[in-house]
């Protein structure tokens, strides 16, 4: 599972071929001992949890980088390496 971005102690990853677990395009965000799957379309948490402040940072980053994230999702869903995306 490659790291596609890191900012403010938050690590953002995208699994290869992960469309089986949650059908919606999403990312995995980790901060300290917290981890959450967050939908790209609207920033909604699909599973897990993050502290409120870090979740808001992830949601803001998703809003700014949605097109890049969706392009990376297509690559990862096809088993290809997604590109790195600029941090927040």
PDB file of N, CA and C in Angstrom:
ATOM      1  N   UNK A   1       0.860  -1.171   0.000  1.00  0.00           N
ATOM      2  CA  UNK A   1       0.000   0.000   0.000  1.00  0.00           C
ATOM      3  C   UNK A   1       0.899   1.224   0.000  1.00  0.00           C
ATOM      4  N   UNK A   2       0.998   1.899  -1.121  1.00  0.00           N
ATOM      5  CA  UNK A   2       1.911   3.037  -1.211  1.00  0.00           C
ATOM      6  C   UNK A   2       1.393   4.278  -0.480  1.00  0.00           C
ATOM      7  N   UNK A   3       2.345   5.034   0.053  1.00  0.00           N
ATOM      8  CA  UNK A   3       2.041   6.342   0.641  1.00  0.00           C
ATOM      9  C   UNK A   3       1.945   7.329  -0.509  1.00  0.00           C
ATOM     10  N   UNK A   4       0.814   8.046  -0.599  1.00  0.00           N
ATOM     11  CA  UNK A   4       0.682   9.022  -1.678  1.00  0.00           C
ATOM     12  C   UNK A   4       0.888  10.454  -1.195  1.00  0.00           C
ATOM     13  N   UNK A   5       0.805  10.677   0.131  1.00  0.00           N
ATOM     14  CA  UNK A   5       1.065  12.013   0.666  1.00  0.00           C
ATOM     15  C   UNK A   5       1.244  11.933   2.178  1.00  0.00           C
ATOM     16  N   UNK A   6       1.914  12.951   2.727  1.00  0.00           N
ATOM     17  CA  UNK A   6       2.080  13.079   4.169  1.00  0.00           C
ATOM     18  C   UNK A   6       2.045  14.562   4.526  1.00  0.00           C
ATOM     19  N   UNK A   7       1.319  14.899   5.591  1.00  0.00           N
ATOM     20  CA  UNK A   7       1.279  16.285   6.071  1.00  0.00           C
ATOM     21  C   UNK A   7       0.795  16.306   7.513  1.00  0.00           C
ATOM     22  N   UNK A   8       1.388  17.180   8.299  1.00  0.00           N
ATOM     23  CA  UNK A   8       1.006  17.372   9.704  1.00  0.00           C
ATOM     24  C   UNK A   8       0.902  16.066  10.484  1.00  0.00           C
ATOM     25  N   UNK A   9       1.812  15.148  10.219  1.00  0.00           N
ATOM     26  CA  UNK A   9       1.807  13.873  10.927  1.00  0.00           C
ATOM     27  C   UNK A   9       0.789  12.866  10.421  1.00  0.00           C
ATOM     28  N   UNK A  10       0.085  13.208   9.362  1.00  0.00           N
ATOM     29  CA  UNK A  10      -0.933  12.332   8.773  1.00  0.00           C
ATOM     30  C   UNK A  10      -0.322  11.639   7.557  1.00  0.00           C
ATOM     31  N   UNK A  11      -0.482  10.332   7.494  1.00  0.00           N
ATOM     32  CA  UNK A  11       0.009   9.557   6.349  1.00  0.00           C
ATOM     33  C   UNK A  11      -1.194   9.119   5.535  1.00  0.00           C
ATOM     34  N   UNK A  12      -1.162   9.423   4.237  1.00  0.00           N
ATOM     35  CA  UNK A  12      -2.254   9.072   3.328  1.00  0.00           C
ATOM     36  C   UNK A  12      -1.779   7.946   2.419  1.00  0.00           C
ATOM     37  N   UNK A  13      -2.555   6.877   2.392  1.00  0.00           N
ATOM     38  CA  UNK A  13      -2.243   5.715   1.543  1.00  0.00           C
ATOM     39  C   UNK A  13      -3.447   5.363   0.676  1.00  0.00           C
ATOM     40  N   UNK A  14      -3.139   4.626  -0.393  1.00  0.00           N
ATOM     41  CA  UNK A  14      -4.191   4.106  -1.252  1.00  0.00           C
ATOM     42  C   UNK A  14      -3.834   2.662  -1.577  1.00  0.00           C
ATOM     43  N   UNK A  15      -4.716   1.745  -1.210  1.00  0.00           N
ATOM     44  CA  UNK A  15      -4.475   0.323  -1.467  1.00  0.00           C
ATOM     45  C   UNK A  15      -4.640   0.002  -2.942  1.00  0.00           C
ATOM     46  N   UNK A  16      -3.875  -0.987  -3.403  1.00  0.00           N
ATOM     47  CA  UNK A  16      -4.087  -1.532  -4.741  1.00  0.00           C
ATOM     48  C   UNK A  16      -5.323  -2.415  -4.716  1.00  0.00           C
ATOM     49  N   UNK A  17      -6.098  -2.384  -5.770  1.00  0.00           N
ATOM     50  CA  UNK A  17      -7.255  -3.273  -5.945  1.00  0.00           C
ATOM     51  C   UNK A  17      -8.178  -3.271  -4.725  1.00  0.00           C
ATOM     52  N   UNK A  18      -8.414  -2.093  -4.138  1.00  0.00           N
ATOM     53  CA  UNK A  18      -9.181  -1.977  -2.895  1.00  0.00           C
ATOM     54  C   UNK A  18     -10.664  -1.720  -3.129  1.00  0.00           C
ATOM     55  N   UNK A  19     -11.135  -1.811  -4.358  1.00  0.00           N
ATOM     56  CA  UNK A  19     -12.551  -1.536  -4.610  1.00  0.00           C
ATOM     57  C   UNK A  19     -13.454  -2.667  -4.129  1.00  0.00           C
ATOM     58  N   UNK A  20     -12.879  -3.739  -3.575  1.00  0.00           N
ATOM     59  CA  UNK A  20     -13.690  -4.818  -3.025  1.00  0.00           C
ATOM     60  C   UNK A  20     -14.175  -4.497  -1.611  1.00  0.00           C
ATOM     61  N   UNK A  21     -13.366  -3.767  -0.816  1.00  0.00           N
ATOM     62  CA  UNK A  21     -13.710  -3.486   0.573  1.00  0.00           C
ATOM     63  C   UNK A  21     -14.787  -2.406   0.708  1.00  0.00           C
ATOM     64  N   UNK A  22     -14.624  -1.339  -0.003  1.00  0.00           N
ATOM     65  CA  UNK A  22     -15.611  -0.253  -0.033  1.00  0.00           C
ATOM     66  C   UNK A  22     -15.759   0.077  -1.515  1.00  0.00           C
ATOM     67  N   UNK A  23     -16.951   0.067  -2.021  1.00  0.00           N
ATOM     68  CA  UNK A  23     -17.110   0.290  -3.463  1.00  0.00           C
ATOM     69  C   UNK A  23     -16.788   1.718  -3.868  1.00  0.00           C
ATOM     70  N   UNK A  24     -16.896   2.661  -2.952  1.00  0.00           N
ATOM     71  CA  UNK A  24     -16.628   4.068  -3.268  1.00  0.00           C
ATOM     72  C   UNK A  24     -15.126   4.341  -3.261  1.00  0.00           C
ATOM     73  N   UNK A  25     -14.643   5.167  -4.189  1.00  0.00           N
ATOM     74  CA  UNK A  25     -13.236   5.562  -4.149  1.00  0.00           C
ATOM     75  C   UNK A  25     -12.915   6.221  -2.802  1.00  0.00           C
ATOM     76  N   UNK A  26     -11.803   5.809  -2.198  1.00  0.00           N
ATOM     77  CA  UNK A  26     -11.455   6.309  -0.867  1.00  0.00           C
ATOM     78  C   UNK A  26      -9.954   6.228  -0.634  1.00  0.00           C
ATOM     79  N   UNK A  27      -9.512   6.893   0.424  1.00  0.00           N
ATOM     80  CA  UNK A  27      -8.121   6.843   0.855  1.00  0.00           C
ATOM     81  C   UNK A  27      -8.087   6.331   2.289  1.00  0.00           C
ATOM     82  N   UNK A  28      -6.906   5.946   2.726  1.00  0.00           N
ATOM     83  CA  UNK A  28      -6.696   5.522   4.105  1.00  0.00           C
ATOM     84  C   UNK A  28      -5.784   6.558   4.750  1.00  0.00           C
ATOM     85  N   UNK A  29      -6.243   7.170   5.820  1.00  0.00           N
ATOM     86  CA  UNK A  29      -5.476   8.182   6.533  1.00  0.00           C
ATOM     87  C   UNK A  29      -5.089   7.640   7.897  1.00  0.00           C
ATOM     88  N   UNK A  30      -3.823   7.806   8.260  1.00  0.00           N
ATOM     89  CA  UNK A  30      -3.338   7.338   9.558  1.00  0.00           C
ATOM     90  C   UNK A  30      -2.699   8.505  10.295  1.00  0.00           C
ATOM     91  N   UNK A  31      -3.045   8.625  11.559  1.00  0.00           N
ATOM     92  CA  UNK A  31      -2.441   9.630  12.433  1.00  0.00           C
ATOM     93  C   UNK A  31      -2.246   8.979  13.791  1.00  0.00           C
ATOM     94  N   UNK A  32      -0.978   8.863  14.232  1.00  0.00           N
ATOM     95  CA  UNK A  32      -0.655   8.188  15.491  1.00  0.00           C
ATOM     96  C   UNK A  32      -1.296   6.801  15.482  1.00  0.00           C
ATOM     97  N   UNK A  33      -2.104   6.486  16.486  1.00  0.00           N
ATOM     98  CA  UNK A  33      -2.733   5.157  16.542  1.00  0.00           C
ATOM     99  C   UNK A  33      -4.091   5.114  15.843  1.00  0.00           C
ATOM    100  N   UNK A  34      -4.504   6.211  15.226  1.00  0.00           N
ATOM    101  CA  UNK A  34      -5.810   6.296  14.569  1.00  0.00           C
ATOM    102  C   UNK A  34      -5.666   6.020  13.075  1.00  0.00           C
ATOM    103  N   UNK A  35      -6.696   5.401  12.516  1.00  0.00           N
ATOM    104  CA  UNK A  35      -6.736   5.182  11.073  1.00  0.00           C
ATOM    105  C   UNK A  35      -8.183   5.200  10.611  1.00  0.00           C
ATOM    106  N   UNK A  36      -8.405   5.783   9.435  1.00  0.00           N
ATOM    107  CA  UNK A  36      -9.758   5.848   8.883  1.00  0.00           C
ATOM    108  C   UNK A  36      -9.704   5.723   7.365  1.00  0.00           C
ATOM    109  N   UNK A  37     -10.755   5.136   6.809  1.00  0.00           N
ATOM    110  CA  UNK A  37     -10.994   5.148   5.364  1.00  0.00           C
ATOM    111  C   UNK A  37     -11.931   6.311   5.104  1.00  0.00           C
ATOM    112  N   UNK A  38     -11.545   7.183   4.171  1.00  0.00           N
ATOM    113  CA  UNK A  38     -12.310   8.403   3.922  1.00  0.00           C
ATOM    114  C   UNK A  38     -12.677   8.459   2.440  1.00  0.00           C
ATOM    115  N   UNK A  39     -13.968   8.624   2.167  1.00  0.00           N
ATOM    116  CA  UNK A  39     -14.459   8.671   0.790  1.00  0.00           C
ATOM    117  C   UNK A  39     -13.966   9.932   0.086  1.00  0.00           C
ATOM    118  N   UNK A  40     -13.505   9.775  -1.139  1.00  0.00           N
ATOM    119  CA  UNK A  40     -12.975  10.896  -1.914  1.00  0.00           C
ATOM    120  C   UNK A  40     -14.084  11.852  -2.344  1.00  0.00           C
ATOM    121  N   UNK A  41     -15.246  11.345  -2.661  1.00  0.00           N
ATOM    122  CA  UNK A  41     -16.325  12.190  -3.189  1.00  0.00           C
ATOM    123  C   UNK A  41     -16.760  13.288  -2.228  1.00  0.00           C
ATOM    124  N   UNK A  42     -16.821  12.958  -0.917  1.00  0.00           N
ATOM    125  CA  UNK A  42     -17.374  13.942   0.019  1.00  0.00           C
ATOM    126  C   UNK A  42     -16.648  14.003   1.365  1.00  0.00           C
ATOM    127  N   UNK A  43     -15.562  13.257   1.523  1.00  0.00           N
ATOM    128  CA  UNK A  43     -14.808  13.304   2.771  1.00  0.00           C
ATOM    129  C   UNK A  43     -15.445  12.560   3.932  1.00  0.00           C
ATOM    130  N   UNK A  44     -16.488  11.775   3.668  1.00  0.00           N
ATOM    131  CA  UNK A  44     -17.153  11.025   4.728  1.00  0.00           C
ATOM    132  C   UNK A  44     -16.289   9.840   5.170  1.00  0.00           C
ATOM    133  N   UNK A  45     -16.244   9.597   6.473  1.00  0.00           N
ATOM    134  CA  UNK A  45     -15.504   8.457   7.015  1.00  0.00           C
ATOM    135  C   UNK A  45     -16.309   7.185   6.763  1.00  0.00           C
ATOM    136  N   UNK A  46     -15.681   6.224   6.095  1.00  0.00           N
ATOM    137  CA  UNK A  46     -16.327   4.950   5.792  1.00  0.00           C
ATOM    138  C   UNK A  46     -16.074   3.924   6.889  1.00  0.00           C
ATOM    139  N   UNK A  47     -14.908   3.999   7.505  1.00  0.00           N
ATOM    140  CA  UNK A  47     -14.538   3.062   8.569  1.00  0.00           C
ATOM    141  C   UNK A  47     -13.425   3.683   9.389  1.00  0.00           C
ATOM    142  N   UNK A  48     -13.343   3.301  10.648  1.00  0.00           N
ATOM    143  CA  UNK A  48     -12.288   3.793  11.517  1.00  0.00           C
ATOM    144  C   UNK A  48     -12.583   5.180  12.052  1.00  0.00           C
ATOM    145  N   UNK A  49     -11.524   5.821  12.581  1.00  0.00           N
ATOM    146  CA  UNK A  49     -11.699   7.170  13.110  1.00  0.00           C
ATOM    147  C   UNK A  49     -10.375   7.902  13.149  1.00  0.00           C
ATOM    148  N   UNK A  50     -10.480   9.227  13.108  1.00  0.00           N
ATOM    149  CA  UNK A  50      -9.364  10.152  13.276  1.00  0.00           C
ATOM    150  C   UNK A  50      -9.801  11.209  14.273  1.00  0.00           C
ATOM    151  N   UNK A  51      -8.849  11.829  14.979  1.00  0.00           N
ATOM    152  CA  UNK A  51      -9.230  12.971  15.803  1.00  0.00           C
ATOM    153  C   UNK A  51      -9.856  14.064  14.916  1.00  0.00           C
ATOM    154  N   UNK A  52     -10.748  14.836  15.494  1.00  0.00           N
ATOM    155  CA  UNK A  52     -11.502  15.836  14.727  1.00  0.00           C
ATOM    156  C   UNK A  52     -10.604  16.771  13.914  1.00  0.00           C
ATOM    157  N   UNK A  53      -9.560  17.299  14.531  1.00  0.00           N
ATOM    158  CA  UNK A  53      -8.668  18.240  13.830  1.00  0.00           C
ATOM    159  C   UNK A  53      -8.017  17.590  12.616  1.00  0.00           C
ATOM    160  N   UNK A  54      -7.496  16.380  12.782  1.00  0.00           N
ATOM    161  CA  UNK A  54      -6.840  15.688  11.680  1.00  0.00           C
ATOM    162  C   UNK A  54      -7.837  15.291  10.597  1.00  0.00           C
ATOM    163  N   UNK A  55      -9.042  14.916  10.988  1.00  0.00           N
ATOM    164  CA  UNK A  55     -10.061  14.600   9.988  1.00  0.00           C
ATOM    165  C   UNK A  55     -10.379  15.835   9.153  1.00  0.00           C
ATOM    166  N   UNK A  56     -10.501  16.986   9.776  1.00  0.00           N
ATOM    167  CA  UNK A  56     -10.778  18.222   9.021  1.00  0.00           C
ATOM    168  C   UNK A  56      -9.638  18.541   8.056  1.00  0.00           C
ATOM    169  N   UNK A  57      -8.390  18.291   8.468  1.00  0.00           N
ATOM    170  CA  UNK A  57      -7.258  18.516   7.567  1.00  0.00           C
ATOM    171  C   UNK A  57      -7.326  17.566   6.371  1.00  0.00           C
ATOM    172  N   UNK A  58      -7.631  16.301   6.630  1.00  0.00           N
ATOM    173  CA  UNK A  58      -7.758  15.321   5.543  1.00  0.00           C
ATOM    174  C   UNK A  58      -8.896  15.724   4.605  1.00  0.00           C
ATOM    175  N   UNK A  59     -10.022  16.133   5.144  1.00  0.00           N
ATOM    176  CA  UNK A  59     -11.160  16.544   4.310  1.00  0.00           C
ATOM    177  C   UNK A  59     -10.825  17.771   3.465  1.00  0.00           C
ATOM    178  N   UNK A  60     -10.090  18.723   4.031  1.00  0.00           N
ATOM    179  CA  UNK A  60      -9.681  19.907   3.266  1.00  0.00           C
ATOM    180  C   UNK A  60      -8.728  19.502   2.144  1.00  0.00           C
ATOM    181  N   UNK A  61      -7.806  18.602   2.444  1.00  0.00           N
ATOM    182  CA  UNK A  61      -6.862  18.124   1.433  1.00  0.00           C
ATOM    183  C   UNK A  61      -7.599  17.405   0.308  1.00  0.00           C
ATOM    184  N   UNK A  62      -8.574  16.563   0.662  1.00  0.00           N
ATOM    185  CA  UNK A  62      -9.370  15.863  -0.352  1.00  0.00           C
ATOM    186  C   UNK A  62     -10.075  16.873  -1.250  1.00  0.00           C
ATOM    187  N   UNK A  63     -10.662  17.901  -0.656  1.00  0.00           N
ATOM    188  CA  UNK A  63     -11.369  18.926  -1.438  1.00  0.00           C
ATOM    189  C   UNK A  63     -10.443  19.576  -2.470  1.00  0.00           C
ATOM    190  N   UNK A  64      -9.204  19.863  -2.054  1.00  0.00           N
ATOM    191  CA  UNK A  64      -8.237  20.514  -2.946  1.00  0.00           C
ATOM    192  C   UNK A  64      -7.667  19.573  -3.999  1.00  0.00           C
ATOM    193  N   UNK A  65      -7.596  18.302  -3.711  1.00  0.00           N
ATOM    194  CA  UNK A  65      -6.895  17.336  -4.567  1.00  0.00           C
ATOM    195  C   UNK A  65      -7.805  16.265  -5.154  1.00  0.00           C
ATOM    196  N   UNK A  66      -9.106  16.506  -5.169  1.00  0.00           N
ATOM    197  CA  UNK A  66     -10.068  15.470  -5.579  1.00  0.00           C
ATOM    198  C   UNK A  66      -9.773  14.891  -6.962  1.00  0.00           C
ATOM    199  N   UNK A  67      -9.496  15.724  -7.955  1.00  0.00           N
ATOM    200  CA  UNK A  67      -9.247  15.218  -9.304  1.00  0.00           C
ATOM    201  C   UNK A  67      -8.023  14.303  -9.341  1.00  0.00           C
ATOM    202  N   UNK A  68      -6.957  14.709  -8.647  1.00  0.00           N
ATOM    203  CA  UNK A  68      -5.756  13.878  -8.590  1.00  0.00           C
ATOM    204  C   UNK A  68      -6.026  12.558  -7.858  1.00  0.00           C
ATOM    205  N   UNK A  69      -6.808  12.633  -6.791  1.00  0.00           N
ATOM    206  CA  UNK A  69      -7.142  11.434  -6.032  1.00  0.00           C
ATOM    207  C   UNK A  69      -7.961  10.454  -6.868  1.00  0.00           C
ATOM    208  N   UNK A  70      -8.903  10.967  -7.629  1.00  0.00           N
ATOM    209  CA  UNK A  70      -9.717  10.078  -8.466  1.00  0.00           C
ATOM    210  C   UNK A  70      -8.875   9.441  -9.569  1.00  0.00           C
ATOM    211  N   UNK A  71      -7.930  10.188 -10.112  1.00  0.00           N
ATOM    212  CA  UNK A  71      -7.031   9.618 -11.116  1.00  0.00           C
ATOM    213  C   UNK A  71      -6.162   8.525 -10.480  1.00  0.00           C
ATOM    214  N   UNK A  72      -5.652   8.789  -9.267  1.00  0.00           N
ATOM    215  CA  UNK A  72      -4.876   7.771  -8.558  1.00  0.00           C
ATOM    216  C   UNK A  72      -5.732   6.551  -8.230  1.00  0.00           C
ATOM    217  N   UNK A  73      -6.995   6.772  -7.879  1.00  0.00           N
ATOM    218  CA  UNK A  73      -7.894   5.649  -7.573  1.00  0.00           C
ATOM    219  C   UNK A  73      -8.010   4.717  -8.784  1.00  0.00           C
ATOM    220  N   UNK A  74      -8.161   5.311  -9.957  1.00  0.00           N
ATOM    221  CA  UNK A  74      -8.268   4.496 -11.178  1.00  0.00           C
ATOM    222  C   UNK A  74      -7.006   3.663 -11.389  1.00  0.00           C
ATOM    223  N   UNK A  75      -5.848   4.264 -11.159  1.00  0.00           N
ATOM    224  CA  UNK A  75      -4.596   3.526 -11.292  1.00  0.00           C
ATOM    225  C   UNK A  75      -4.523   2.390 -10.279  1.00  0.00           C
ATOM    226  N   UNK A  76      -4.789   2.706  -9.009  1.00  0.00           N
ATOM    227  CA  UNK A  76      -4.688   1.701  -7.945  1.00  0.00           C
ATOM    228  C   UNK A  76      -5.707   0.578  -8.145  1.00  0.00           C
ATOM    229  N   UNK A  77      -6.917   0.917  -8.577  1.00  0.00           N
ATOM    230  CA  UNK A  77      -7.950  -0.095  -8.810  1.00  0.00           C
ATOM    231  C   UNK A  77      -7.552  -1.049  -9.932  1.00  0.00           C
ATOM    232  N   UNK A  78      -6.703  -0.544 -10.842  1.00  0.00           N
ATOM    233  CA  UNK A  78      -6.206  -1.378 -11.933  1.00  0.00           C
ATOM    234  C   UNK A  78      -4.913  -2.101 -11.559  1.00  0.00           C
ATOM    235  N   UNK A  79      -4.467  -1.941 -10.308  1.00  0.00           N
ATOM    236  CA  UNK A  79      -3.255  -2.609  -9.851  1.00  0.00           C
ATOM    237  C   UNK A  79      -1.976  -1.867 -10.184  1.00  0.00           C
ATOM    238  N   UNK A  80      -2.100  -0.610 -10.608  1.00  0.00           N
ATOM    239  CA  UNK A  80      -0.931   0.194 -10.956  1.00  0.00           C
ATOM    240  C   UNK A  80      -0.556   1.121  -9.803  1.00  0.00           C
ATOM    241  N   UNK A  81       0.683   1.567  -9.798  1.00  0.00           N
ATOM    242  CA  UNK A  81       1.194   2.445  -8.753  1.00  0.00           C
ATOM    243  C   UNK A  81       0.596   3.840  -8.898  1.00  0.00           C
ATOM    244  N   UNK A  82      -0.098   4.337  -7.861  1.00  0.00           N
ATOM    245  CA  UNK A  82      -0.617   5.706  -7.906  1.00  0.00           C
ATOM    246  C   UNK A  82       0.522   6.710  -7.744  1.00  0.00           C
ATOM    247  N   UNK A  83       0.306   7.920  -8.234  1.00  0.00           N
ATOM    248  CA  UNK A  83       1.292   8.989  -8.129  1.00  0.00           C
ATOM    249  C   UNK A  83       1.254   9.640  -6.758  1.00  0.00           C
ATOM    250  N   UNK A  84       2.368  10.242  -6.360  1.00  0.00           N
ATOM    251  CA  UNK A  84       2.404  11.061  -5.148  1.00  0.00           C
ATOM    252  C   UNK A  84       1.584  12.316  -5.408  1.00  0.00           C
ATOM    253  N   UNK A  85       0.925  12.804  -4.348  1.00  0.00           N
ATOM    254  CA  UNK A  85       0.103  14.002  -4.443  1.00  0.00           C
ATOM    255  C   UNK A  85       0.637  15.007  -3.430  1.00  0.00           C
ATOM    256  N   UNK A  86       0.713  16.264  -3.840  1.00  0.00           N
ATOM    257  CA  UNK A  86       1.239  17.309  -2.946  1.00  0.00           C
ATOM    258  C   UNK A  86       0.485  17.355  -1.630  1.00  0.00           C
ATOM    259  N   UNK A  87       1.219  17.624  -0.548  1.00  0.00           N
ATOM    260  CA  UNK A  87       0.568  17.728   0.772  1.00  0.00           C
ATOM    261  C   UNK A  87      -0.255  18.992   0.903  1.00  0.00           C
ATOM    262  N   UNK A  88      -0.910  19.111   2.030  1.00  0.00           N
ATOM    263  CA  UNK A  88      -1.746  20.275   2.335  1.00  0.00           C
ATOM    264  C   UNK A  88      -0.864  21.468   2.603  1.00  0.00           C
TER     265      UNK A  88
END
